[in-house]
C-alpha atoms as a PDB file:
ATOM      1  CA  UNK A   1      83.223  26.257-110.106  1.00  0.00           C
ATOM      2  CA  UNK A   2      81.178  28.948-111.681  1.00  0.00           C
ATOM      3  CA  UNK A   3      80.109  29.573-115.218  1.00  0.00           C
ATOM      4  CA  UNK A   4      80.545  33.271-115.846  1.00  0.00           C
ATOM      5  CA  UNK A   5      79.376  34.610-119.149  1.00  0.00           C
ATOM      6  CA  UNK A   6      81.077  37.325-121.101  1.00  0.00           C
ATOM      7  CA  UNK A   7      79.207  40.597-121.533  1.00  0.00           C
ATOM      8  CA  UNK A   8      77.611  41.199-124.905  1.00  0.00           C
ATOM      9  CA  UNK A   9      78.979  44.326-126.614  1.00  0.00           C
ATOM     10  CA  UNK A  10      76.686  46.151-129.005  1.00  0.00           C
ATOM     11  CA  UNK A  11      78.262  45.558-132.416  1.00  0.00           C
ATOM     12  CA  UNK A  12      78.690  42.357-134.428  1.00  0.00           C
ATOM     13  CA  UNK A  13      82.089  40.674-134.873  1.00  0.00           C
ATOM     14  CA  UNK A  14      84.155  42.606-137.385  1.00  0.00           C
ATOM     15  CA  UNK A  15      85.116  40.542-140.391  1.00  0.00           C
ATOM     16  CA  UNK A  16      86.463  41.317-143.824  1.00  0.00           C
ATOM     17  CA  UNK A  17      84.889  39.955-146.986  1.00  0.00           C
ATOM     18  CA  UNK A  18      88.052  37.895-147.524  1.00  0.00           C
ATOM     19  CA  UNK A  19      87.536  36.262-144.115  1.00  0.00           C
ATOM     20  CA  UNK A  20      84.191  34.751-145.113  1.00  0.00           C
ATOM     21  CA  UNK A  21      84.270  31.087-146.061  1.00  0.00           C
ATOM     22  CA  UNK A  22      81.472  29.502-148.071  1.00  0.00           C
ATOM     23  CA  UNK A  23      79.791  26.776-146.011  1.00  0.00           C
ATOM     24  CA  UNK A  24      80.351  23.225-147.178  1.00  0.00           C
ATOM     25  CA  UNK A  25      76.999  21.650-148.004  1.00  0.00           C
ATOM     26  CA  UNK A  26      77.830  17.950-147.437  1.00  0.00           C
ATOM     27  CA  UNK A  27      78.939  18.198-143.783  1.00  0.00           C
ATOM     28  CA  UNK A  28      76.537  17.010-141.099  1.00  0.00           C
ATOM     29  CA  UNK A  29      75.895  19.355-138.207  1.00  0.00           C
ATOM     30  CA  UNK A  30      75.775  17.774-134.776  1.00  0.00           C
ATOM     31  CA  UNK A  31      73.893  18.974-131.707  1.00  0.00           C
ATOM     32  CA  UNK A  32      74.081  22.746-131.389  1.00  0.00           C
ATOM     33  CA  UNK A  33      75.266  23.125-134.990  1.00  0.00           C
ATOM     34  CA  UNK A  34      78.786  21.787-134.481  1.00  0.00           C
ATOM     35  CA  UNK A  35      80.205  20.463-137.791  1.00  0.00           C
ATOM     36  CA  UNK A  36      81.012  16.755-137.955  1.00  0.00           C
ATOM     37  CA  UNK A  37      84.496  16.691-139.467  1.00  0.00           C
ATOM     38  CA  UNK A  38      86.702  13.594-139.572  1.00  0.00           C
ATOM     39  CA  UNK A  39      89.792  13.614-137.368  1.00  0.00           C
ATOM     40  CA  UNK A  40      92.777  14.942-139.252  1.00  0.00           C
ATOM     41  CA  UNK A  41      96.010  16.883-138.906  1.00  0.00           C
ATOM     42  CA  UNK A  42      97.022  20.062-140.707  1.00  0.00           C
ATOM     43  CA  UNK A  43      95.265  23.086-142.126  1.00  0.00           C
ATOM     44  CA  UNK A  44      92.889  21.257-144.486  1.00  0.00           C
ATOM     45  CA  UNK A  45      90.589  19.643-141.882  1.00  0.00           C
ATOM     46  CA  UNK A  46      90.553  22.864-139.846  1.00  0.00           C
ATOM     47  CA  UNK A  47      89.504  24.866-142.905  1.00  0.00           C
ATOM     48  CA  UNK A  48      86.815  22.259-143.673  1.00  0.00           C
ATOM     49  CA  UNK A  49      85.499  22.650-140.117  1.00  0.00           C
ATOM     50  CA  UNK A  50      85.476  26.455-140.381  1.00  0.00           C
ATOM     51  CA  UNK A  51      83.727  26.341-143.779  1.00  0.00           C
ATOM     52  CA  UNK A  52      81.025  24.101-142.289  1.00  0.00           C
ATOM     53  CA  UNK A  53      80.367  26.300-139.252  1.00  0.00           C
ATOM     54  CA  UNK A  54      76.775  27.560-139.622  1.00  0.00           C
ATOM     55  CA  UNK A  55      75.812  31.185-140.223  1.00  0.00           C
ATOM     56  CA  UNK A  56      77.829  33.983-138.622  1.00  0.00           C
ATOM     57  CA  UNK A  57      80.057  31.446-136.866  1.00  0.00           C
ATOM     58  CA  UNK A  58      82.007  30.617-140.043  1.00  0.00           C
ATOM     59  CA  UNK A  59      83.230  34.208-140.482  1.00  0.00           C
ATOM     60  CA  UNK A  60      84.201  34.368-136.809  1.00  0.00           C
ATOM     61  CA  UNK A  61      85.958  30.984-137.072  1.00  0.00           C
ATOM     62  CA  UNK A  62      87.970  32.309-140.036  1.00  0.00           C
ATOM     63  CA  UNK A  63      88.920  35.390-138.051  1.00  0.00           C
ATOM     64  CA  UNK A  64      89.987  33.312-135.024  1.00  0.00           C
ATOM     65  CA  UNK A  65      92.096  31.083-137.274  1.00  0.00           C
ATOM     66  CA  UNK A  66      93.782  34.107-138.889  1.00  0.00           C
ATOM     67  CA  UNK A  67      94.551  35.696-135.508  1.00  0.00           C
ATOM     68  CA  UNK A  68      95.987  32.426-134.196  1.00  0.00           C
ATOM     69  CA  UNK A  69      98.182  31.982-137.301  1.00  0.00           C
ATOM     70  CA  UNK A  70      99.490  35.549-137.014  1.00  0.00           C
ATOM     71  CA  UNK A  71     100.124  35.279-133.255  1.00  0.00           C
ATOM     72  CA  UNK A  72     101.883  31.891-133.533  1.00  0.00           C
ATOM     73  CA  UNK A  73     103.584  31.525-136.925  1.00  0.00           C
ATOM     74  CA  UNK A  74     103.793  27.868-137.975  1.00  0.00           C
ATOM     75  CA  UNK A  75     101.091  26.818-135.508  1.00  0.00           C
ATOM     76  CA  UNK A  76     100.166  23.112-135.667  1.00  0.00           C
ATOM     77  CA  UNK A  77      96.517  22.380-136.457  1.00  0.00           C
ATOM     78  CA  UNK A  78      94.195  19.418-136.205  1.00  0.00           C
ATOM     79  CA  UNK A  79      90.545  18.473-135.937  1.00  0.00           C
ATOM     80  CA  UNK A  80      89.858  16.123-133.057  1.00  0.00           C
ATOM     81  CA  UNK A  81      86.506  15.361-131.432  1.00  0.00           C
ATOM     82  CA  UNK A  82      84.807  17.610-134.024  1.00  0.00           C
ATOM     83  CA  UNK A  83      86.766  20.686-132.936  1.00  0.00           C
ATOM     84  CA  UNK A  84      89.815  22.499-134.329  1.00  0.00           C
ATOM     85  CA  UNK A  85      92.913  22.265-132.114  1.00  0.00           C
ATOM     86  CA  UNK A  86      95.982  24.512-132.231  1.00  0.00           C
ATOM     87  CA  UNK A  87      99.410  23.719-130.824  1.00  0.00           C
ATOM     88  CA  UNK A  88     103.092  24.504-130.899  1.00  0.00           C
ATOM     89  CA  UNK A  89     103.627  21.030-132.323  1.00  0.00           C
ATOM     90  CA  UNK A  90     101.464  18.068-133.308  1.00  0.00           C
ATOM     91  CA  UNK A  91     100.110  16.420-130.166  1.00  0.00           C
ATOM     92  CA  UNK A  92     100.833  19.375-127.853  1.00  0.00           C
ATOM     93  CA  UNK A  93      97.730  21.604-127.940  1.00  0.00           C
ATOM     94  CA  UNK A  94      97.120  24.960-126.250  1.00  0.00           C
ATOM     95  CA  UNK A  95      93.717  25.998-127.664  1.00  0.00           C
ATOM     96  CA  UNK A  96      90.547  24.650-129.233  1.00  0.00           C
ATOM     97  CA  UNK A  97      87.139  25.980-130.173  1.00  0.00           C
ATOM     98  CA  UNK A  98      83.717  24.398-130.501  1.00  0.00           C
ATOM     99  CA  UNK A  99      80.358  25.494-131.948  1.00  0.00           C
ATOM    100  CA  UNK A 100      77.275  25.642-129.766  1.00  0.00           C
ATOM    101  CA  UNK A 101      73.790  26.778-130.775  1.00  0.00           C
ATOM    102  CA  UNK A 102      74.203  30.376-129.599  1.00  0.00           C
ATOM    103  CA  UNK A 103      77.967  30.873-129.322  1.00  0.00           C
ATOM    104  CA  UNK A 104      81.482  29.677-130.052  1.00  0.00           C
ATOM    105  CA  UNK A 105      83.417  28.403-127.045  1.00  0.00           C
ATOM    106  CA  UNK A 106      87.184  28.932-127.174  1.00  0.00           C
ATOM    107  CA  UNK A 107      89.114  26.774-124.678  1.00  0.00           C
ATOM    108  CA  UNK A 108      92.589  27.760-123.464  1.00  0.00           C
ATOM    109  CA  UNK A 109      93.902  24.546-121.908  1.00  0.00           C
ATOM    110  CA  UNK A 110      96.261  26.292-119.454  1.00  0.00           C
ATOM    111  CA  UNK A 111      94.265  29.517-119.296  1.00  0.00           C
ATOM    112  CA  UNK A 112      94.330  29.721-115.500  1.00  0.00           C
ATOM    113  CA  UNK A 113      98.093  30.324-115.715  1.00  0.00           C
ATOM    114  CA  UNK A 114      97.751  33.320-118.028  1.00  0.00           C
ATOM    115  CA  UNK A 115      97.928  36.993-117.061  1.00  0.00           C
ATOM    116  CA  UNK A 116      94.371  38.374-117.233  1.00  0.00           C
ATOM    117  CA  UNK A 117      92.943  34.930-118.048  1.00  0.00           C
ATOM    118  CA  UNK A 118      89.831  34.445-120.172  1.00  0.00           C
ATOM    119  CA  UNK A 119      86.709  35.003-118.060  1.00  0.00           C
ATOM    120  CA  UNK A 120      84.807  31.703-118.060  1.00  0.00           C
ATOM    121  CA  UNK A 121      85.587  28.842-115.690  1.00  0.00           C
ATOM    122  CA  UNK A 122      83.943  25.434-115.581  1.00  0.00           C
ATOM    123  CA  UNK A 123      84.946  22.045-114.166  1.00  0.00           C
ATOM    124  CA  UNK A 124      88.581  21.824-115.290  1.00  0.00           C
ATOM    125  CA  UNK A 125      90.844  23.753-112.908  1.00  0.00           C
ATOM    126  CA  UNK A 126      93.438  24.850-115.494  1.00  0.00           C
ATOM    127  CA  UNK A 127      91.139  25.530-118.456  1.00  0.00           C
ATOM    128  CA  UNK A 128      89.646  28.946-119.127  1.00  0.00           C
ATOM    129  CA  UNK A 129      87.054  29.683-121.766  1.00  0.00           C
ATOM    130  CA  UNK A 130      86.024  32.611-123.877  1.00  0.00           C
ATOM    131  CA  UNK A 131      82.527  32.683-125.389  1.00  0.00           C
ATOM    132  CA  UNK A 132      81.745  34.577-128.566  1.00  0.00           C
ATOM    133  CA  UNK A 133      78.091  35.356-129.306  1.00  0.00           C
ATOM    134  CA  UNK A 134      76.678  36.699-132.558  1.00  0.00           C
ATOM    135  CA  UNK A 135      76.430  40.298-131.364  1.00  0.00           C
ATOM    136  CA  UNK A 136      79.837  40.371-129.645  1.00  0.00           C
ATOM    137  CA  UNK A 137      82.662  42.518-130.899  1.00  0.00           C
ATOM    138  CA  UNK A 138      85.846  40.460-130.840  1.00  0.00           C
ATOM    139  CA  UNK A 139      88.694  42.281-129.113  1.00  0.00           C
ATOM    140  CA  UNK A 140      91.360  40.990-131.501  1.00  0.00           C
ATOM    141  CA  UNK A 141      94.243  42.496-129.539  1.00  0.00           C
ATOM    142  CA  UNK A 142      93.150  40.759-126.316  1.00  0.00           C
ATOM    143  CA  UNK A 143      92.495  37.491-128.121  1.00  0.00           C
ATOM    144  CA  UNK A 144      95.924  37.588-129.808  1.00  0.00           C
ATOM    145  CA  UNK A 145      97.543  38.246-126.422  1.00  0.00           C
ATOM    146  CA  UNK A 146      95.776  35.212-124.909  1.00  0.00           C
ATOM    147  CA  UNK A 147      96.880  33.085-127.881  1.00  0.00           C
ATOM    148  CA  UNK A 148     100.516  34.163-127.530  1.00  0.00           C
ATOM    149  CA  UNK A 149     100.480  33.494-123.785  1.00  0.00           C
ATOM    150  CA  UNK A 150      98.794  30.105-124.232  1.00  0.00           C
ATOM    151  CA  UNK A 151     101.340  29.047-126.869  1.00  0.00           C
ATOM    152  CA  UNK A 152     104.189  29.593-124.389  1.00  0.00           C
ATOM    153  CA  UNK A 153     102.623  27.443-121.655  1.00  0.00           C
ATOM    154  CA  UNK A 154     102.862  23.658-121.490  1.00  0.00           C
ATOM    155  CA  UNK A 155     100.248  22.265-123.846  1.00  0.00           C
ATOM    156  CA  UNK A 156      97.725  19.511-123.421  1.00  0.00           C
ATOM    157  CA  UNK A 157      98.815  16.211-124.958  1.00  0.00           C
ATOM    158  CA  UNK A 158      95.922  14.482-126.697  1.00  0.00           C
END
């Protein structure tokens, strides 16, 4: 069980002005800057989470959400354990992300079963992670491919 880190490309994540979400001022930030958002199902709590992500992370969160929606039309969304979850149906999740002080951690719950799986492994055998740091350039094509693959695998029921 190793923790590999993704290399840091030179340019910042590419976002459009329309992708930026104004941070919500009344949301508490937990350890590492993770927004404390009440558990809820649907787009609204996910958008509240993304809006409350601090600094550069909010724009990246908006971009991730847009890529996921485009890759999996009609994707189910929820906020559970202060993280947005995405699934093919409510209660059957394939992906989540979480804010840490220096990066965003994207978890693909069955990532080990994917072709060219995301690079980071930790304790869970099936889960693969992708870390996004402030100076990273997001390979949107690769990310969308991972999302599509993950959506076709059995999800995690939580």
